[in-house]
Amino acid sequence: MRDTAMSRFLANPIRNAASTVAVVLVLFGILAAALWYAATVWVSLGGPPMQASGYIAMIAGIVFSLIIGCGLMALLFYSSRRGYDEPPRVDDKGY
């Protein structure tokens, strides 16, 4: 068996767990910093309060985006499962 980087990585489970924990902690730190920054900017902007029609438009946009995203993902899974994403096959007959 060839000694590859992947085989060396899989051979040491303690190191794998430690590196996974380190990556997750760094990513959560970045997420916390982004949330803190967003909250700080949101509060510092101030301005007049949003009207009810603004909230309704925002909620409608979010719901519409989620419906479109879920529909497109469903079509992606459907076409993949039905084999529409496979390249065409040529038989011995030439078609």
N, C-alpha and C. Protein backbone atom coordinates (compact mmCIF):
# COMPACT_ATOMS: atom_id res chain seq x y z
N MET A 1 0.84 -1.18 0.00
CA MET A 1 0.00 0.00 0.00
C MET A 1 0.88 1.24 0.00
N ARG A 2 0.50 2.20 -0.81
CA ARG A 2 1.27 3.44 -0.87
C ARG A 2 1.03 4.27 0.37
N ASP A 3 2.07 4.94 0.81
CA ASP A 3 1.96 5.82 1.97
C ASP A 3 1.57 7.20 1.45
N THR A 4 0.30 7.51 1.55
CA THR A 4 -0.19 8.81 1.09
C THR A 4 -0.53 9.68 2.28
N ALA A 5 -0.79 10.92 1.99
CA ALA A 5 -1.15 11.85 3.06
C ALA A 5 -2.46 11.43 3.72
N MET A 6 -3.39 10.91 2.93
CA MET A 6 -4.67 10.49 3.48
C MET A 6 -4.49 9.29 4.40
N SER A 7 -3.67 8.33 4.02
CA SER A 7 -3.48 7.15 4.88
C SER A 7 -2.78 7.54 6.18
N ARG A 8 -1.86 8.48 6.12
CA ARG A 8 -1.21 8.95 7.35
C ARG A 8 -2.20 9.70 8.22
N PHE A 9 -3.10 10.46 7.59
CA PHE A 9 -4.11 11.21 8.34
C PHE A 9 -5.08 10.27 9.02
N LEU A 10 -5.49 9.22 8.34
CA LEU A 10 -6.46 8.28 8.90
C LEU A 10 -5.84 7.35 9.94
N ALA A 11 -4.52 7.24 9.97
CA ALA A 11 -3.85 6.32 10.87
C ALA A 11 -3.80 6.83 12.31
N ASN A 12 -4.01 8.10 12.54
CA ASN A 12 -3.89 8.67 13.87
C ASN A 12 -5.21 9.31 14.29
N PRO A 13 -6.11 8.53 14.95
CA PRO A 13 -7.43 9.08 15.31
C PRO A 13 -7.38 10.19 16.35
N ILE A 14 -6.41 10.18 17.25
CA ILE A 14 -6.30 11.23 18.28
C ILE A 14 -5.99 12.57 17.61
N ARG A 15 -5.08 12.52 16.68
CA ARG A 15 -4.71 13.74 15.95
C ARG A 15 -5.89 14.23 15.12
N ASN A 16 -6.65 13.29 14.53
CA ASN A 16 -7.82 13.67 13.75
C ASN A 16 -8.84 14.40 14.62
N ALA A 17 -9.11 13.87 15.80
CA ALA A 17 -10.08 14.49 16.70
C ALA A 17 -9.61 15.87 17.14
N ALA A 18 -8.34 15.98 17.46
CA ALA A 18 -7.80 17.27 17.90
C ALA A 18 -7.85 18.30 16.79
N SER A 19 -7.53 17.91 15.58
CA SER A 19 -7.57 18.86 14.47
C SER A 19 -9.01 19.23 14.13
N THR A 20 -9.93 18.29 14.25
CA THR A 20 -11.34 18.59 14.00
C THR A 20 -11.86 19.59 15.03
N VAL A 21 -11.52 19.37 16.29
CA VAL A 21 -11.95 20.29 17.34
C VAL A 21 -11.34 21.68 17.11
N ALA A 22 -10.09 21.73 16.71
CA ALA A 22 -9.45 23.02 16.46
C ALA A 22 -10.13 23.76 15.32
N VAL A 23 -10.45 23.07 14.25
CA VAL A 23 -11.11 23.70 13.11
C VAL A 23 -12.50 24.20 13.51
N VAL A 24 -13.25 23.37 14.24
CA VAL A 24 -14.59 23.77 14.67
C VAL A 24 -14.52 24.99 15.59
N LEU A 25 -13.57 25.02 16.51
CA LEU A 25 -13.44 26.18 17.40
C LEU A 25 -13.10 27.45 16.64
N VAL A 26 -12.22 27.34 15.67
CA VAL A 26 -11.86 28.51 14.86
C VAL A 26 -13.08 29.00 14.07
N LEU A 27 -13.83 28.07 13.48
CA LEU A 27 -15.01 28.46 12.72
C LEU A 27 -16.08 29.09 13.61
N PHE A 28 -16.28 28.55 14.81
CA PHE A 28 -17.23 29.17 15.73
C PHE A 28 -16.75 30.55 16.18
N GLY A 29 -15.45 30.72 16.33
CA GLY A 29 -14.91 32.03 16.67
C GLY A 29 -15.17 33.06 15.57
N ILE A 30 -14.99 32.63 14.32
CA ILE A 30 -15.27 33.53 13.19
C ILE A 30 -16.76 33.86 13.14
N LEU A 31 -17.61 32.85 13.39
CA LEU A 31 -19.06 33.09 13.41
C LEU A 31 -19.43 34.07 14.51
N ALA A 32 -18.86 33.91 15.70
CA ALA A 32 -19.15 34.81 16.82
C ALA A 32 -18.71 36.24 16.49
N ALA A 33 -17.54 36.38 15.88
CA ALA A 33 -17.05 37.72 15.51
C ALA A 33 -17.96 38.36 14.46
N ALA A 34 -18.44 37.57 13.50
CA ALA A 34 -19.33 38.12 12.47
C ALA A 34 -20.66 38.54 13.08
N LEU A 35 -21.20 37.73 13.99
CA LEU A 35 -22.46 38.08 14.64
C LEU A 35 -22.31 39.32 15.51
N TRP A 36 -21.20 39.42 16.23
CA TRP A 36 -20.95 40.59 17.05
C TRP A 36 -20.86 41.84 16.18
N TYR A 37 -20.13 41.75 15.07
CA TYR A 37 -19.98 42.90 14.17
C TYR A 37 -21.34 43.29 13.59
N ALA A 38 -22.13 42.31 13.14
CA ALA A 38 -23.44 42.60 12.56
C ALA A 38 -24.35 43.27 13.60
N ALA A 39 -24.35 42.77 14.82
CA ALA A 39 -25.19 43.36 15.87
C ALA A 39 -24.74 44.77 16.19
N THR A 40 -23.44 45.00 16.23
CA THR A 40 -22.91 46.33 16.54
C THR A 40 -23.31 47.33 15.45
N VAL A 41 -23.15 46.94 14.20
CA VAL A 41 -23.51 47.83 13.10
C VAL A 41 -25.01 48.07 13.08
N TRP A 42 -25.80 47.03 13.32
CA TRP A 42 -27.26 47.16 13.30
C TRP A 42 -27.73 48.18 14.35
N VAL A 43 -27.16 48.10 15.56
CA VAL A 43 -27.57 48.99 16.64
C VAL A 43 -27.07 50.41 16.39
N SER A 44 -25.89 50.55 15.82
CA SER A 44 -25.32 51.89 15.63
C SER A 44 -25.99 52.66 14.50
N LEU A 45 -26.64 51.97 13.57
CA LEU A 45 -27.26 52.67 12.46
C LEU A 45 -28.47 53.48 12.90
N GLY A 46 -29.26 52.93 13.79
CA GLY A 46 -30.43 53.66 14.28
C GLY A 46 -31.41 53.93 13.16
N GLY A 47 -31.97 55.12 13.11
CA GLY A 47 -32.92 55.49 12.07
C GLY A 47 -34.35 55.28 12.53
N PRO A 48 -35.26 55.64 11.66
CA PRO A 48 -36.68 55.49 12.02
C PRO A 48 -37.08 54.02 12.06
N PRO A 49 -38.09 53.70 12.86
CA PRO A 49 -38.53 52.30 12.92
C PRO A 49 -39.17 51.87 11.60
N MET A 50 -39.05 50.58 11.30
CA MET A 50 -39.63 50.07 10.07
C MET A 50 -41.14 49.90 10.24
N GLN A 51 -41.86 50.23 9.18
CA GLN A 51 -43.31 50.09 9.21
C GLN A 51 -43.69 48.62 9.05
N ALA A 52 -44.96 48.33 9.31
CA ALA A 52 -45.45 46.96 9.19
C ALA A 52 -45.33 46.45 7.77
N SER A 53 -45.55 47.34 6.79
CA SER A 53 -45.43 46.91 5.39
C SER A 53 -44.00 46.49 5.05
N GLY A 54 -43.02 47.10 5.68
CA GLY A 54 -41.63 46.72 5.47
C GLY A 54 -41.35 45.32 6.00
N TYR A 55 -41.88 45.03 7.20
CA TYR A 55 -41.72 43.70 7.77
C TYR A 55 -42.43 42.65 6.91
N ILE A 56 -43.62 42.99 6.42
CA ILE A 56 -44.36 42.04 5.57
C ILE A 56 -43.59 41.77 4.28
N ALA A 57 -43.03 42.80 3.66
CA ALA A 57 -42.25 42.62 2.44
C ALA A 57 -40.99 41.78 2.71
N MET A 58 -40.35 42.03 3.85
CA MET A 58 -39.15 41.26 4.18
C MET A 58 -39.49 39.79 4.40
N ILE A 59 -40.55 39.51 5.14
CA ILE A 59 -40.95 38.12 5.39
C ILE A 59 -41.35 37.44 4.09
N ALA A 60 -42.10 38.16 3.21
CA ALA A 60 -42.50 37.58 1.92
C ALA A 60 -41.27 37.25 1.07
N GLY A 61 -40.29 38.11 1.08
CA GLY A 61 -39.07 37.86 0.31
C GLY A 61 -38.30 36.65 0.84
N ILE A 62 -38.23 36.52 2.16
CA ILE A 62 -37.54 35.38 2.76
C ILE A 62 -38.26 34.09 2.43
N VAL A 63 -39.58 34.08 2.58
CA VAL A 63 -40.36 32.87 2.29
C VAL A 63 -40.24 32.50 0.82
N PHE A 64 -40.36 33.50 -0.08
CA PHE A 64 -40.23 33.24 -1.51
C PHE A 64 -38.86 32.67 -1.85
N SER A 65 -37.81 33.22 -1.27
CA SER A 65 -36.45 32.71 -1.52
C SER A 65 -36.29 31.28 -1.04
N LEU A 66 -36.85 30.97 0.14
CA LEU A 66 -36.78 29.60 0.65
C LEU A 66 -37.55 28.62 -0.23
N ILE A 67 -38.71 29.03 -0.73
CA ILE A 67 -39.49 28.15 -1.61
C ILE A 67 -38.74 27.89 -2.91
N ILE A 68 -38.18 28.92 -3.50
CA ILE A 68 -37.42 28.76 -4.74
C ILE A 68 -36.19 27.87 -4.49
N GLY A 69 -35.47 28.11 -3.41
CA GLY A 69 -34.29 27.29 -3.10
C GLY A 69 -34.63 25.84 -2.87
N CYS A 70 -35.68 25.58 -2.10
CA CYS A 70 -36.09 24.19 -1.84
C CYS A 70 -36.58 23.52 -3.11
N GLY A 71 -37.32 24.26 -3.94
CA GLY A 71 -37.78 23.70 -5.21
C GLY A 71 -36.64 23.34 -6.13
N LEU A 72 -35.64 24.21 -6.22
CA LEU A 72 -34.49 23.92 -7.08
C LEU A 72 -33.69 22.73 -6.55
N MET A 73 -33.54 22.63 -5.24
CA MET A 73 -32.83 21.47 -4.67
C MET A 73 -33.61 20.19 -4.93
N ALA A 74 -34.95 20.24 -4.83
CA ALA A 74 -35.76 19.06 -5.11
C ALA A 74 -35.60 18.65 -6.56
N LEU A 75 -35.58 19.60 -7.48
CA LEU A 75 -35.36 19.27 -8.89
C LEU A 75 -33.98 18.68 -9.11
N LEU A 76 -32.99 19.18 -8.41
CA LEU A 76 -31.63 18.64 -8.54
C LEU A 76 -31.58 17.19 -8.10
N PHE A 77 -32.18 16.88 -6.95
CA PHE A 77 -32.20 15.49 -6.48
C PHE A 77 -33.03 14.60 -7.39
N TYR A 78 -34.14 15.12 -7.89
CA TYR A 78 -35.00 14.35 -8.78
C TYR A 78 -34.26 13.99 -10.07
N SER A 79 -33.60 14.96 -10.67
CA SER A 79 -32.90 14.69 -11.93
C SER A 79 -31.71 13.77 -11.71
N SER A 80 -31.07 13.89 -10.56
CA SER A 80 -29.93 13.00 -10.28
C SER A 80 -30.40 11.58 -10.07
N ARG A 81 -31.50 11.40 -9.36
CA ARG A 81 -32.01 10.06 -9.07
C ARG A 81 -32.57 9.39 -10.32
N ARG A 82 -33.16 10.16 -11.21
CA ARG A 82 -33.75 9.60 -12.42
C ARG A 82 -32.71 9.36 -13.51
N GLY A 83 -31.48 9.82 -13.31
CA GLY A 83 -30.42 9.56 -14.28
C GLY A 83 -30.31 10.60 -15.37
N TYR A 84 -30.97 11.73 -15.22
CA TYR A 84 -30.88 12.78 -16.24
C TYR A 84 -29.50 13.45 -16.25
N ASP A 85 -28.73 13.30 -15.22
CA ASP A 85 -27.42 13.92 -15.15
C ASP A 85 -26.31 13.03 -15.71
N GLU A 86 -26.64 11.82 -16.09
CA GLU A 86 -25.64 10.89 -16.63
C GLU A 86 -25.33 11.25 -18.09
N PRO A 87 -24.08 11.01 -18.52
CA PRO A 87 -23.78 11.26 -19.93
C PRO A 87 -24.48 10.22 -20.79
N PRO A 88 -24.78 10.56 -22.04
CA PRO A 88 -25.46 9.60 -22.91
C PRO A 88 -24.57 8.41 -23.22
N ARG A 89 -25.18 7.24 -23.36
CA ARG A 89 -24.45 6.02 -23.69
C ARG A 89 -24.69 5.66 -25.15
N VAL A 90 -23.66 5.20 -25.80
CA VAL A 90 -23.77 4.76 -27.20
C VAL A 90 -23.73 3.25 -27.21
N ASP A 91 -24.77 2.64 -27.79
CA ASP A 91 -24.81 1.19 -27.90
C ASP A 91 -23.99 0.73 -29.10
N ASP A 92 -23.93 -0.57 -29.28
CA ASP A 92 -23.21 -1.14 -30.41
C ASP A 92 -23.88 -0.79 -31.73
N LYS A 93 -25.18 -0.48 -31.67
CA LYS A 93 -25.92 -0.15 -32.88
C LYS A 93 -25.63 1.28 -33.35
N GLY A 94 -24.97 2.05 -32.54
CA GLY A 94 -24.60 3.40 -32.95
C GLY A 94 -25.55 4.48 -32.46
N TYR A 95 -26.52 4.12 -31.66
CA TYR A 95 -27.44 5.13 -31.12
C TYR A 95 -27.80 4.81 -29.70
